[in-house]
Amino acid sequence: MNTITIFCASDNFYRGFEPRWEQHLSKSWLKRHQWREALCLSEVMTIMVGFHLSGYRTFEHDYLNDVLRYQRGYFPGLVSYHRLVELLPGSLVPLCCFLTAALGNVVASA
């Protein structure tokens, strides 16, 4: 899978997921900070999925040696590695839901 394919899938998923996620957060004790970053949540999810498909052993090496160098055109608002690591916890639940939905489609079609 290439970066564009992963992004389109994660972005399409998140557009449907976001309203339900926001509604859940508003009813729970969890308070999510407003996502006002240069990278949208779909881009963060794309970078994470790309790392797992990349073959790099560590996320840091993948981000510094591949994403920042060669994929800047796909992600014009890239942030530093340390800032991205700070953003990752806020993307965990949406990423897990996306992967569950995506893998569910793969398992169902197999």
N, C-alpha and C. Protein backbone atom coordinates (compact mmCIF):
# COMPACT_ATOMS: atom_id res chain seq x y z
N MET A 1 0.85 -1.18 0.00
CA MET A 1 0.00 0.00 0.00
C MET A 1 0.89 1.24 0.00
N ASN A 2 0.50 2.21 -0.78
CA ASN A 2 1.28 3.44 -0.79
C ASN A 2 0.65 4.47 0.15
N THR A 3 1.35 5.56 0.35
CA THR A 3 0.93 6.58 1.30
C THR A 3 -0.43 7.17 0.95
N ILE A 4 -0.67 7.41 -0.30
CA ILE A 4 -1.95 8.02 -0.71
C ILE A 4 -3.11 7.07 -0.42
N THR A 5 -2.93 5.81 -0.71
CA THR A 5 -3.98 4.82 -0.45
C THR A 5 -4.29 4.73 1.04
N ILE A 6 -3.24 4.70 1.86
CA ILE A 6 -3.43 4.63 3.31
C ILE A 6 -4.14 5.89 3.80
N PHE A 7 -3.70 7.06 3.31
CA PHE A 7 -4.33 8.30 3.77
C PHE A 7 -5.80 8.35 3.37
N CYS A 8 -6.11 7.99 2.15
CA CYS A 8 -7.52 8.04 1.71
C CYS A 8 -8.38 7.12 2.56
N ALA A 9 -7.88 5.93 2.85
CA ALA A 9 -8.65 5.00 3.68
C ALA A 9 -8.83 5.53 5.10
N SER A 10 -7.76 6.06 5.70
CA SER A 10 -7.87 6.56 7.07
C SER A 10 -8.71 7.83 7.13
N ASP A 11 -8.60 8.68 6.13
CA ASP A 11 -9.38 9.92 6.12
C ASP A 11 -10.87 9.62 5.92
N ASN A 12 -11.18 8.71 5.02
CA ASN A 12 -12.59 8.33 4.82
C ASN A 12 -13.16 7.72 6.09
N PHE A 13 -12.38 6.88 6.75
CA PHE A 13 -12.83 6.29 8.00
C PHE A 13 -13.07 7.38 9.05
N TYR A 14 -12.10 8.28 9.20
CA TYR A 14 -12.20 9.27 10.28
C TYR A 14 -13.34 10.25 10.06
N ARG A 15 -13.68 10.55 8.83
CA ARG A 15 -14.81 11.46 8.57
C ARG A 15 -16.12 10.88 9.12
N GLY A 16 -16.28 9.58 9.04
CA GLY A 16 -17.46 8.95 9.60
C GLY A 16 -17.34 8.70 11.09
N PHE A 17 -16.13 8.50 11.56
CA PHE A 17 -15.88 8.18 12.96
C PHE A 17 -15.92 9.42 13.85
N GLU A 18 -15.46 10.54 13.34
CA GLU A 18 -15.28 11.74 14.15
C GLU A 18 -16.55 12.21 14.86
N PRO A 19 -17.71 12.30 14.19
CA PRO A 19 -18.90 12.77 14.91
C PRO A 19 -19.27 11.88 16.10
N ARG A 20 -19.17 10.57 15.91
CA ARG A 20 -19.49 9.66 17.01
C ARG A 20 -18.46 9.76 18.12
N TRP A 21 -17.20 9.93 17.76
CA TRP A 21 -16.12 10.05 18.74
C TRP A 21 -16.29 11.33 19.55
N GLU A 22 -16.60 12.43 18.88
CA GLU A 22 -16.82 13.70 19.58
C GLU A 22 -18.02 13.60 20.52
N GLN A 23 -19.07 12.93 20.07
CA GLN A 23 -20.26 12.77 20.91
C GLN A 23 -19.92 11.94 22.14
N HIS A 24 -19.16 10.88 21.96
CA HIS A 24 -18.75 10.05 23.09
C HIS A 24 -17.90 10.84 24.07
N LEU A 25 -16.97 11.62 23.56
CA LEU A 25 -16.10 12.40 24.45
C LEU A 25 -16.88 13.46 25.21
N SER A 26 -17.88 14.04 24.57
CA SER A 26 -18.65 15.08 25.26
C SER A 26 -19.48 14.50 26.40
N LYS A 27 -19.84 13.21 26.31
CA LYS A 27 -20.64 12.57 27.35
C LYS A 27 -19.78 11.92 28.43
N SER A 28 -18.51 11.73 28.17
CA SER A 28 -17.66 11.04 29.13
C SER A 28 -16.81 12.04 29.91
N TRP A 29 -16.08 11.52 30.85
CA TRP A 29 -15.19 12.37 31.64
C TRP A 29 -13.92 12.71 30.87
N LEU A 30 -13.70 12.01 29.78
CA LEU A 30 -12.52 12.30 28.97
C LEU A 30 -12.68 13.65 28.29
N LYS A 31 -11.69 14.43 28.36
CA LYS A 31 -11.70 15.72 27.66
C LYS A 31 -10.59 15.69 26.63
N ARG A 32 -10.97 15.85 25.41
CA ARG A 32 -9.98 15.85 24.35
C ARG A 32 -9.64 17.29 24.01
N HIS A 33 -8.36 17.57 23.90
CA HIS A 33 -7.97 18.90 23.48
C HIS A 33 -8.36 19.09 22.02
N GLN A 34 -8.58 20.29 21.65
CA GLN A 34 -8.90 20.57 20.25
C GLN A 34 -7.68 20.23 19.40
N TRP A 35 -7.91 19.55 18.33
CA TRP A 35 -6.84 19.14 17.43
C TRP A 35 -6.56 20.29 16.49
N ARG A 36 -5.67 21.16 16.88
CA ARG A 36 -5.31 22.32 16.06
C ARG A 36 -3.83 22.22 15.71
N GLU A 37 -3.51 21.24 14.96
CA GLU A 37 -2.13 20.99 14.60
C GLU A 37 -1.95 21.16 13.09
N ALA A 38 -0.71 21.24 12.70
CA ALA A 38 -0.40 21.31 11.28
C ALA A 38 -0.76 19.99 10.59
N LEU A 39 -0.65 18.89 11.32
CA LEU A 39 -1.04 17.58 10.80
C LEU A 39 -2.44 17.25 11.27
N CYS A 40 -3.28 16.79 10.37
CA CYS A 40 -4.60 16.34 10.80
C CYS A 40 -4.48 14.93 11.37
N LEU A 41 -5.49 14.51 12.07
CA LEU A 41 -5.46 13.20 12.70
C LEU A 41 -5.31 12.08 11.67
N SER A 42 -5.91 12.24 10.51
CA SER A 42 -5.78 11.22 9.46
C SER A 42 -4.33 11.10 9.00
N GLU A 43 -3.61 12.21 8.98
CA GLU A 43 -2.20 12.16 8.58
C GLU A 43 -1.36 11.45 9.63
N VAL A 44 -1.65 11.70 10.90
CA VAL A 44 -0.92 11.01 11.97
C VAL A 44 -1.18 9.51 11.87
N MET A 45 -2.43 9.13 11.64
CA MET A 45 -2.76 7.72 11.50
C MET A 45 -2.05 7.12 10.29
N THR A 46 -1.97 7.86 9.20
CA THR A 46 -1.28 7.39 7.99
C THR A 46 0.20 7.15 8.27
N ILE A 47 0.82 8.06 8.99
CA ILE A 47 2.24 7.91 9.33
C ILE A 47 2.45 6.67 10.20
N MET A 48 1.55 6.44 11.14
CA MET A 48 1.68 5.26 12.01
C MET A 48 1.50 3.96 11.22
N VAL A 49 0.51 3.90 10.37
CA VAL A 49 0.31 2.68 9.56
C VAL A 49 1.50 2.49 8.63
N GLY A 50 1.96 3.58 8.03
CA GLY A 50 3.12 3.50 7.15
C GLY A 50 4.36 2.97 7.86
N PHE A 51 4.54 3.36 9.11
CA PHE A 51 5.68 2.84 9.88
C PHE A 51 5.59 1.32 10.00
N HIS A 52 4.43 0.81 10.31
CA HIS A 52 4.30 -0.63 10.50
C HIS A 52 4.47 -1.41 9.20
N LEU A 53 4.27 -0.74 8.09
CA LEU A 53 4.48 -1.39 6.79
C LEU A 53 5.88 -1.15 6.24
N SER A 54 6.66 -0.30 6.89
CA SER A 54 7.93 0.16 6.32
C SER A 54 9.10 -0.80 6.47
N GLY A 55 9.11 -1.59 7.51
CA GLY A 55 10.27 -2.45 7.75
C GLY A 55 11.30 -1.83 8.68
N TYR A 56 11.12 -0.57 9.05
CA TYR A 56 12.01 0.04 10.04
C TYR A 56 11.76 -0.59 11.39
N ARG A 57 12.81 -0.69 12.19
CA ARG A 57 12.67 -1.29 13.52
C ARG A 57 12.12 -0.32 14.54
N THR A 58 12.40 0.98 14.37
CA THR A 58 11.91 1.96 15.34
C THR A 58 11.14 3.06 14.61
N PHE A 59 10.16 3.58 15.30
CA PHE A 59 9.36 4.66 14.73
C PHE A 59 10.21 5.90 14.49
N GLU A 60 11.13 6.16 15.40
CA GLU A 60 11.99 7.34 15.27
C GLU A 60 12.80 7.29 13.97
N HIS A 61 13.40 6.16 13.68
CA HIS A 61 14.19 6.05 12.45
C HIS A 61 13.32 6.18 11.21
N ASP A 62 12.14 5.59 11.26
CA ASP A 62 11.23 5.71 10.13
C ASP A 62 10.86 7.18 9.90
N TYR A 63 10.48 7.86 10.96
CA TYR A 63 10.04 9.24 10.83
C TYR A 63 11.17 10.15 10.36
N LEU A 64 12.33 10.02 11.00
CA LEU A 64 13.45 10.91 10.66
C LEU A 64 14.07 10.60 9.30
N ASN A 65 14.18 9.31 8.97
CA ASN A 65 14.89 8.92 7.75
C ASN A 65 14.00 8.75 6.52
N ASP A 66 12.72 8.56 6.72
CA ASP A 66 11.85 8.37 5.57
C ASP A 66 10.80 9.47 5.45
N VAL A 67 10.00 9.63 6.49
CA VAL A 67 8.88 10.58 6.41
C VAL A 67 9.40 12.01 6.22
N LEU A 68 10.30 12.45 7.09
CA LEU A 68 10.79 13.83 6.99
C LEU A 68 11.58 14.07 5.71
N ARG A 69 12.28 13.08 5.23
CA ARG A 69 13.12 13.27 4.04
C ARG A 69 12.36 13.10 2.73
N TYR A 70 11.57 12.05 2.64
CA TYR A 70 11.02 11.67 1.34
C TYR A 70 9.51 11.84 1.20
N GLN A 71 8.81 12.04 2.30
CA GLN A 71 7.35 12.13 2.21
C GLN A 71 6.81 13.51 2.56
N ARG A 72 7.66 14.49 2.60
CA ARG A 72 7.24 15.85 2.95
C ARG A 72 6.17 16.36 1.98
N GLY A 73 6.23 15.94 0.75
CA GLY A 73 5.22 16.35 -0.23
C GLY A 73 3.83 15.85 0.11
N TYR A 74 3.75 14.70 0.76
CA TYR A 74 2.46 14.15 1.18
C TYR A 74 1.94 14.83 2.44
N PHE A 75 2.85 15.30 3.27
CA PHE A 75 2.49 15.91 4.55
C PHE A 75 3.13 17.29 4.67
N PRO A 76 2.55 18.30 4.07
CA PRO A 76 3.18 19.62 4.06
C PRO A 76 3.31 20.26 5.45
N GLY A 77 2.52 19.82 6.41
CA GLY A 77 2.58 20.40 7.74
C GLY A 77 3.34 19.56 8.74
N LEU A 78 4.36 18.83 8.29
CA LEU A 78 5.08 17.94 9.20
C LEU A 78 5.64 18.70 10.39
N VAL A 79 5.60 18.04 11.53
CA VAL A 79 6.12 18.59 12.77
C VAL A 79 7.38 17.83 13.15
N SER A 80 8.07 18.30 14.17
CA SER A 80 9.27 17.61 14.62
C SER A 80 8.90 16.23 15.17
N TYR A 81 9.90 15.39 15.27
CA TYR A 81 9.66 14.04 15.80
C TYR A 81 9.08 14.11 17.21
N HIS A 82 9.65 14.96 18.05
CA HIS A 82 9.19 15.05 19.44
C HIS A 82 7.75 15.55 19.53
N ARG A 83 7.39 16.49 18.67
CA ARG A 83 6.00 16.97 18.67
C ARG A 83 5.05 15.87 18.19
N LEU A 84 5.46 15.11 17.21
CA LEU A 84 4.61 14.02 16.73
C LEU A 84 4.39 12.99 17.83
N VAL A 85 5.44 12.69 18.58
CA VAL A 85 5.30 11.73 19.68
C VAL A 85 4.30 12.25 20.71
N GLU A 86 4.25 13.55 20.92
CA GLU A 86 3.27 14.13 21.84
C GLU A 86 1.85 14.00 21.30
N LEU A 87 1.69 13.96 19.99
CA LEU A 87 0.36 13.85 19.38
C LEU A 87 -0.16 12.42 19.34
N LEU A 88 0.72 11.45 19.44
CA LEU A 88 0.32 10.05 19.26
C LEU A 88 -0.76 9.57 20.23
N PRO A 89 -0.70 9.91 21.52
CA PRO A 89 -1.75 9.41 22.41
C PRO A 89 -3.16 9.83 21.99
N GLY A 90 -3.30 11.02 21.42
CA GLY A 90 -4.61 11.48 20.98
C GLY A 90 -5.13 10.76 19.75
N SER A 91 -4.25 10.03 19.08
CA SER A 91 -4.67 9.31 17.88
C SER A 91 -4.86 7.82 18.13
N LEU A 92 -4.61 7.36 19.34
CA LEU A 92 -4.61 5.92 19.61
C LEU A 92 -5.98 5.27 19.40
N VAL A 93 -7.02 5.82 20.00
CA VAL A 93 -8.35 5.20 19.87
C VAL A 93 -8.84 5.25 18.42
N PRO A 94 -8.78 6.41 17.75
CA PRO A 94 -9.20 6.41 16.34
C PRO A 94 -8.37 5.45 15.48
N LEU A 95 -7.06 5.36 15.74
CA LEU A 95 -6.21 4.45 14.97
C LEU A 95 -6.61 3.00 15.21
N CYS A 96 -6.84 2.62 16.45
CA CYS A 96 -7.26 1.24 16.75
C CYS A 96 -8.60 0.91 16.10
N CYS A 97 -9.52 1.85 16.13
CA CYS A 97 -10.82 1.62 15.48
C CYS A 97 -10.66 1.49 13.97
N PHE A 98 -9.81 2.33 13.40
CA PHE A 98 -9.56 2.25 11.95
C PHE A 98 -8.95 0.90 11.59
N LEU A 99 -7.95 0.47 12.34
CA LEU A 99 -7.31 -0.82 12.03
C LEU A 99 -8.27 -1.98 12.22
N THR A 100 -9.10 -1.91 13.25
CA THR A 100 -10.09 -2.96 13.46
C THR A 100 -11.06 -3.03 12.29
N ALA A 101 -11.51 -1.87 11.84
CA ALA A 101 -12.43 -1.83 10.70
C ALA A 101 -11.73 -2.33 9.43
N ALA A 102 -10.50 -1.91 9.21
CA ALA A 102 -9.77 -2.31 8.00
C ALA A 102 -9.45 -3.79 8.03
N LEU A 103 -9.00 -4.30 9.16
CA LEU A 103 -8.67 -5.72 9.25
C LEU A 103 -9.92 -6.58 9.23
N GLY A 104 -11.02 -6.05 9.74
CA GLY A 104 -12.28 -6.78 9.66
C GLY A 104 -12.68 -7.02 8.23
N ASN A 105 -12.44 -6.02 7.37
CA ASN A 105 -12.75 -6.18 5.95
C ASN A 105 -11.84 -7.22 5.31
N VAL A 106 -10.58 -7.26 5.71
CA VAL A 106 -9.64 -8.23 5.14
C VAL A 106 -10.01 -9.64 5.58
N VAL A 107 -10.31 -9.80 6.87
CA VAL A 107 -10.65 -11.12 7.40
C VAL A 107 -11.97 -11.61 6.78
N ALA A 108 -12.93 -10.70 6.64
CA ALA A 108 -14.22 -11.10 6.09
C ALA A 108 -14.11 -11.52 4.63
N SER A 109 -13.18 -10.92 3.90
CA SER A 109 -13.05 -11.26 2.48
C SER A 109 -12.14 -12.46 2.24
N ALA A 110 -11.42 -12.89 3.26
CA ALA A 110 -10.48 -14.01 3.09
C ALA A 110 -11.17 -15.35 3.12
